[in-house]
Amino acid sequence: MTSSGDIAANLRDRIDAGTYPPGSQLPTNADLMAAHGVSKATITKAISELVDQGLVYTAKKGGTRVRHRSPVTLPLSRYRSALTPGGTRGPWETATAEAGLDGHMELIAVDTVEAPADLATLLKLTPGDSLIYRLRHAIIRPDDLVQIQSAWYPSHIAVAAGISTTAKIEGGIYRRLAEAGHRRATASETVSVRMPTPDEAAQLRVGGRVSVLTVERVTRDTHGTPLEVLRAVAAADRIQLTYDDLPLEAQS
C-alpha cells in the first residue's frame, strides 16, 4: 500500500529533477488520489510533509505550487555599489542585478511611530520620541518574496532626507541620507537563526521545519549619529550574506 511518505518522496524527487520547476503547480489532490489509489487524507498528509520541508506552498489561487529555493548572495559591497554617483538602484536591486536577477524593493507601509525602549536605546533617543517606520519587501519579480525588512529612522533625520514619503526613493535610502549630510560610515550587524512566526512563514512561504535568518543592523554616520535600525527576516535557505574585503590588519 502506498503511504503518504512514499508519495511525498516521489513528488520531492520530481521537484528536484525539475519536472515541477519553481512556481509551477503540482497535480490536484484528485489527480494524485487517482494516480496513487489513495484517500484524500493520505494526499493531504503527503503535501503537508512537503510544505514543512519548504518545498511547496499553498497559493491563494492556483492550488499547491513549488517554492522558489535558489539562494540570493548579498555581499557587503552592495552598499558601496549603491552609493556610486548617478546610480538609481538601492542595495537589494544592486545585489540582485549583479546576479542577473530582477530584484525589486516593494514599499508596503510608511508610518510615524513612537520609539519603544529598545529602538530608543539603539538610536540614542528617548522612549516615545518620533520615528519614521518603513516596511519593505525584497522581491525577485514577479512575486518571489525573499526578505521582509522593517526599518526605523529618527523623524527629524528622515524628514530632512525626504525618506518619510511613500514615493520611490531613487538610488536607495543611504544615498538620500548622504545627500542630506548623513553619509553612512559604519554598520553593526547581529545575525541570528530562529523559527519563523506564523505570519512570517505565510509571507515567506516556508513550512514548519524551515528556519529564518534574522539580521539587525544599526547604521551610523561619520559623526557616530545612529541613522537607522533595520531588522530583516528571510528564509535561511534563500539568503547568503557575504562579508567581503573586511580589513584584517591590526591598527597601530
Protein backbone atom coordinates (compact mmCIF):
# COMPACT_ATOMS: atom_id res chain seq x y z
CA MET A 1 0.00 0.00 0.00
CA THR A 2 1.32 3.43 -0.97
CA SER A 3 1.93 5.63 2.06
CA SER A 4 1.94 9.43 2.37
CA GLY A 5 5.73 9.24 2.82
CA ASP A 6 6.08 7.34 -0.47
CA ILE A 7 4.00 9.97 -2.30
CA ALA A 8 5.94 12.83 -0.69
CA ALA A 9 9.24 11.20 -1.69
CA ASN A 10 8.01 10.72 -5.27
CA LEU A 11 6.94 14.35 -5.55
CA ARG A 12 10.19 15.51 -3.92
CA ASP A 13 12.23 13.61 -6.49
CA ARG A 14 10.23 15.13 -9.34
CA ILE A 15 10.64 18.63 -7.90
CA ASP A 16 14.40 18.14 -7.55
CA ALA A 17 14.59 16.78 -11.10
CA GLY A 18 12.83 19.85 -12.47
CA THR A 19 9.68 18.05 -13.57
CA TYR A 20 7.89 20.58 -11.41
CA PRO A 21 10.00 23.76 -11.59
CA PRO A 22 9.74 26.66 -9.11
CA GLY A 23 6.40 28.42 -9.40
CA SER A 24 4.69 25.51 -11.14
CA GLN A 25 1.56 23.84 -9.82
CA LEU A 26 1.51 20.30 -8.51
CA PRO A 27 -1.21 17.93 -9.73
CA THR A 28 -4.52 18.43 -7.94
CA ASN A 29 -5.46 16.29 -4.95
CA ALA A 30 -7.96 14.47 -7.13
CA ASP A 31 -5.29 13.68 -9.75
CA LEU A 32 -2.85 12.46 -7.09
CA MET A 33 -5.55 10.33 -5.47
CA ALA A 34 -6.32 8.72 -8.81
CA ALA A 35 -2.66 8.22 -9.72
CA HIS A 36 -1.73 6.54 -6.42
CA GLY A 37 -5.04 4.94 -5.49
CA VAL A 38 -5.15 6.52 -2.04
CA SER A 39 -7.51 8.66 0.02
CA LYS A 40 -7.60 12.43 0.21
CA ALA A 41 -6.28 12.23 3.78
CA THR A 42 -3.15 10.43 2.53
CA ILE A 43 -2.53 13.07 -0.14
CA THR A 44 -3.11 15.87 2.35
CA LYS A 45 -0.55 14.33 4.71
CA ALA A 46 1.99 13.99 1.86
CA ILE A 47 1.54 17.61 0.80
CA SER A 48 1.84 18.76 4.42
CA GLU A 49 5.19 16.99 4.63
CA LEU A 50 6.43 18.86 1.55
CA VAL A 51 5.15 22.15 2.98
CA ASP A 52 7.02 21.51 6.25
CA GLN A 53 10.21 20.88 4.28
CA GLY A 54 9.82 24.17 2.42
CA LEU A 55 9.39 22.55 -0.99
CA VAL A 56 5.85 23.69 -1.78
CA TYR A 57 3.25 26.16 -0.54
CA THR A 58 -0.47 26.56 -0.86
CA ALA A 59 -1.28 29.51 -3.10
CA LYS A 60 -4.33 31.69 -2.54
CA LYS A 61 -5.25 30.99 -6.15
CA GLY A 62 -3.78 28.07 -8.02
CA GLY A 63 -3.53 25.14 -5.61
CA THR A 64 -0.17 23.81 -4.39
CA ARG A 65 2.87 25.37 -6.02
CA VAL A 66 6.59 24.65 -5.95
CA ARG A 67 8.50 27.14 -3.82
CA HIS A 68 11.49 29.10 -5.15
CA ARG A 69 14.59 27.96 -3.27
CA SER A 70 17.51 29.42 -5.21
CA PRO A 71 19.74 31.36 -2.76
CA VAL A 72 20.50 35.06 -3.23
CA THR A 73 24.01 36.19 -2.33
CA LEU A 74 24.15 39.57 -0.61
CA PRO A 75 27.75 40.80 -0.47
CA LEU A 76 28.69 43.67 1.83
CA SER A 77 29.96 45.52 -1.26
CA ARG A 78 26.35 46.07 -2.38
CA TYR A 79 26.31 49.16 -0.15
CA ARG A 80 29.37 50.65 -1.82
CA SER A 81 27.93 49.98 -5.27
CA ALA A 82 24.60 51.52 -4.33
CA LEU A 83 26.32 54.80 -3.43
CA THR A 84 28.07 55.16 -6.79
CA PRO A 85 27.33 58.66 -8.16
CA GLY A 86 24.49 58.65 -10.68
CA GLY A 87 23.16 55.25 -9.66
CA THR A 88 19.45 54.62 -9.27
CA ARG A 89 19.48 51.21 -7.56
CA GLY A 90 19.38 50.51 -3.85
CA PRO A 91 21.46 47.73 -2.20
CA TRP A 92 18.92 44.95 -2.87
CA GLU A 93 18.45 45.92 -6.51
CA THR A 94 22.23 46.25 -6.90
CA ALA A 95 22.95 42.78 -5.48
CA THR A 96 20.24 41.03 -7.48
CA ALA A 97 21.13 42.82 -10.73
CA GLU A 98 24.75 41.68 -10.38
CA ALA A 99 23.41 38.12 -10.05
CA GLY A 100 21.27 38.51 -13.18
CA LEU A 101 18.03 38.65 -11.19
CA ASP A 102 15.18 41.15 -11.47
CA GLY A 103 15.16 42.38 -7.89
CA HIS A 104 12.69 44.93 -6.65
CA MET A 105 12.15 46.58 -3.27
CA GLU A 106 8.43 46.98 -2.69
CA LEU A 107 7.34 49.55 -0.12
CA ILE A 108 4.49 48.15 1.97
CA ALA A 109 3.96 50.87 4.57
CA VAL A 110 5.36 54.14 5.95
CA ASP A 111 4.23 55.37 9.34
CA THR A 112 5.14 57.71 12.18
CA VAL A 113 5.52 55.80 15.45
CA GLU A 114 6.77 56.37 18.98
CA ALA A 115 10.13 54.84 19.81
CA PRO A 116 9.90 51.82 22.13
CA ALA A 117 12.67 51.42 24.68
CA ASP A 118 14.84 49.03 22.63
CA LEU A 119 14.82 51.20 19.49
CA ALA A 120 15.33 54.38 21.52
CA THR A 121 18.47 52.86 23.03
CA LEU A 122 19.86 51.83 19.65
CA LEU A 123 19.10 55.21 18.07
CA LYS A 124 20.25 57.21 21.14
CA LEU A 125 16.81 58.72 21.62
CA THR A 126 14.31 58.93 24.45
CA PRO A 127 11.47 56.39 24.58
CA GLY A 128 8.44 57.95 22.96
CA ASP A 129 10.46 60.08 20.53
CA SER A 130 9.11 60.17 16.98
CA LEU A 131 10.37 57.64 14.44
CA ILE A 132 9.63 57.04 10.78
CA TYR A 133 8.87 53.36 10.21
CA ARG A 134 9.26 51.80 6.75
CA LEU A 135 8.15 48.24 5.94
CA ARG A 136 9.53 46.82 2.70
CA HIS A 137 9.54 43.51 0.85
CA ALA A 138 12.64 42.43 -1.07
CA ILE A 139 11.24 40.64 -4.11
CA ILE A 140 12.51 38.88 -7.19
CA ARG A 141 9.94 39.59 -9.86
CA PRO A 142 7.25 38.68 -10.41
CA ASP A 143 6.26 37.61 -6.88
CA ASP A 144 9.11 35.78 -5.12
CA LEU A 145 9.30 37.38 -1.65
CA VAL A 146 12.79 36.71 -0.30
CA GLN A 147 13.16 39.10 2.61
CA ILE A 148 10.96 41.22 4.90
CA GLN A 149 12.61 44.46 6.01
CA SER A 150 11.45 46.70 8.86
CA ALA A 151 13.42 49.93 9.35
CA TRP A 152 13.18 52.86 11.76
CA TYR A 153 14.71 56.35 11.44
CA PRO A 154 14.72 59.38 13.75
CA SER A 155 11.91 61.57 12.38
CA HIS A 156 13.98 64.75 12.07
CA ILE A 157 16.61 62.93 10.00
CA ALA A 158 14.08 61.08 7.84
CA VAL A 159 12.05 64.20 7.06
CA ALA A 160 15.16 66.23 6.18
CA ALA A 161 16.38 63.43 3.89
CA GLY A 162 12.99 63.06 2.19
CA ILE A 163 12.54 59.42 3.18
CA SER A 164 9.35 59.85 5.19
CA THR A 165 7.36 59.60 1.98
CA THR A 166 5.70 56.69 0.21
CA ALA A 167 7.26 57.81 -3.07
CA LYS A 168 10.03 55.77 -4.70
CA ILE A 169 13.45 56.61 -3.22
CA GLU A 170 15.67 56.70 -6.30
CA GLY A 171 19.07 55.24 -5.55
CA GLY A 172 18.03 53.99 -2.15
CA ILE A 173 17.77 55.28 1.40
CA TYR A 174 21.50 55.62 2.02
CA ARG A 175 22.03 57.83 -0.99
CA ARG A 176 19.26 60.17 0.18
CA LEU A 177 20.68 60.26 3.70
CA ALA A 178 24.15 61.07 2.31
CA GLU A 179 22.74 63.90 0.23
CA ALA A 180 21.19 65.30 3.43
CA GLY A 181 24.60 65.35 5.13
CA HIS A 182 24.44 61.97 6.87
CA ARG A 183 26.94 59.87 4.97
CA ARG A 184 26.89 56.27 6.15
CA ALA A 185 30.16 55.45 7.90
CA THR A 186 29.63 52.28 9.94
CA ALA A 187 27.13 49.48 10.23
CA SER A 188 26.90 46.97 13.06
CA GLU A 189 25.04 43.75 12.30
CA THR A 190 23.73 40.97 14.51
CA VAL A 191 22.79 37.80 12.61
CA SER A 192 20.68 35.06 14.19
CA VAL A 193 18.66 32.00 13.23
CA ARG A 194 15.27 31.07 14.64
CA MET A 195 11.99 29.50 13.60
CA PRO A 196 9.53 31.82 11.84
CA THR A 197 6.37 33.22 13.35
CA PRO A 198 3.16 32.00 11.67
CA ASP A 199 2.85 35.33 9.84
CA GLU A 200 6.46 35.19 8.61
CA ALA A 201 6.02 31.58 7.50
CA ALA A 202 2.94 32.52 5.50
CA GLN A 203 4.57 35.51 3.83
CA LEU A 204 7.86 33.73 3.04
CA ARG A 205 6.03 30.53 2.01
CA VAL A 206 8.01 28.27 4.32
CA GLY A 207 6.88 25.35 6.42
CA GLY A 208 7.43 24.33 9.99
CA ARG A 209 10.92 22.92 9.50
CA VAL A 210 12.49 25.87 7.64
CA SER A 211 14.28 28.34 9.89
CA VAL A 212 14.67 32.03 9.16
CA LEU A 213 17.78 34.18 9.15
CA THR A 214 17.38 37.47 11.03
CA VAL A 215 19.62 40.49 10.67
CA GLU A 216 19.57 43.56 12.91
CA ARG A 217 21.70 46.38 11.54
CA VAL A 218 22.42 49.74 13.17
CA THR A 219 23.82 52.29 10.73
CA ARG A 220 25.71 55.41 11.87
CA ASP A 221 27.06 58.44 10.04
CA THR A 222 30.57 59.90 10.11
CA HIS A 223 29.75 61.70 13.39
CA GLY A 224 28.61 58.49 15.05
CA THR A 225 24.94 59.51 14.90
CA PRO A 226 22.62 56.49 14.55
CA LEU A 227 20.61 56.83 11.35
CA GLU A 228 18.73 53.58 11.02
CA VAL A 229 17.80 50.38 12.76
CA LEU A 230 16.92 47.72 10.21
CA ARG A 231 15.54 44.28 11.05
CA ALA A 232 15.33 41.82 8.19
CA VAL A 233 13.89 38.32 8.08
CA ALA A 234 14.44 35.78 5.30
CA ALA A 235 14.17 32.03 4.90
CA ALA A 236 17.57 30.63 5.87
CA ASP A 237 17.80 28.67 2.62
CA ARG A 238 17.34 31.80 0.49
CA ILE A 239 19.98 34.26 1.70
CA GLN A 240 23.78 34.07 1.69
CA LEU A 241 25.41 37.02 3.48
CA THR A 242 28.95 37.62 2.23
CA TYR A 243 31.18 39.96 4.22
CA ASP A 244 33.78 40.66 1.57
CA ASP A 245 37.09 42.54 1.81
CA LEU A 246 36.99 43.11 5.54
CA PRO A 247 40.16 44.78 6.88
CA LEU A 248 42.31 42.37 8.89
CA GLU A 249 45.40 44.48 9.60
CA ALA A 250 45.98 45.45 13.20
CA GLN A 251 45.55 49.16 13.84
CA SER A 252 48.57 50.98 15.22
